[in-house]
Amino acid sequence: MTRMGKLIAHHMVESTQTSAHVQSFVECDVTNVWNWRNKVKNTFAKREGENLTFTPIFMEAVAKALKDFPMMNISVDGNNIIKRKNINLGMAAALPDGNLIVPVIKNADRLNLVGMSKAVNDLANRARENKLKPDEIQGGTYTVTNVGTFGSIMGTPIINQPQVGILALGAIRKVPAVIETPEGDFIGIRHKMFLSHSYDHRVVNGALGGQFVKRVAEYLEAWDVNREI
């Protein structure tokens, strides 16, 4: 193992020994998000000089859900619960050598989508080039990992201590789905994905863990296809 590999291995084992991991899964219809991104991505690239990926869209939904459920934005210190005032989103990124690093978007709830996109792209690019500063991988209050990048439809990620939750984003797939209309139910083709939420059952019960990930899905499903970028 490399030095970083040893640190990651220790961190993972320590987390499973510390937290009582439990998972909730929600299937999310992201057809509106998919169509909207396709509509605006070329304009965005021309105007901003970089790509609009799905990650900042998901990060925005997570930040909004954390504002709705502040008891997911906490950490545990012994028998004490520490409520975090700032929403600092960790973004798990794969390094060229196969190791993982988690750069942090500070005060993510205060960024608009353009700001979030620039922060995501900048941190991801510098992570790949091993150019992150120490303070850019510290201070996270909640973590998001994209397992869909590798084709997985869902995952059961390990909590990034001392946080109490981590959300895995599954691959977006075209699937047949029931569409409810005033005229009745129909089968149609929709873009769907699974959101997998691992949380610390010492301090987060199933109701909170389940409601939080459902709220993330609700924000994504209610995406405004006429939204201006």
Foldseek 3Di string as FASTA:
>chain_A
DDPLVVVVVVQQVVLVVPFDKDKDKDKFFQQLVVLLQVVCQVVCCVVVVDGQDCVLVLLQLLLVLCVVVQLQQWFDDPPDIGGDPWAKEWEWAAEPVRDIATFIRTRSNPDDSNRSRVVVVVVRVCRNVVNDDPVRRDDHREYEYEPQVVPAQADRDGGRPRGFKYKYKHHWDWDWDWDQDPVGIDTDTTTMGMIMMMGGCVRDPPVSRHVSVVSSSVCSNPDDSPDDD
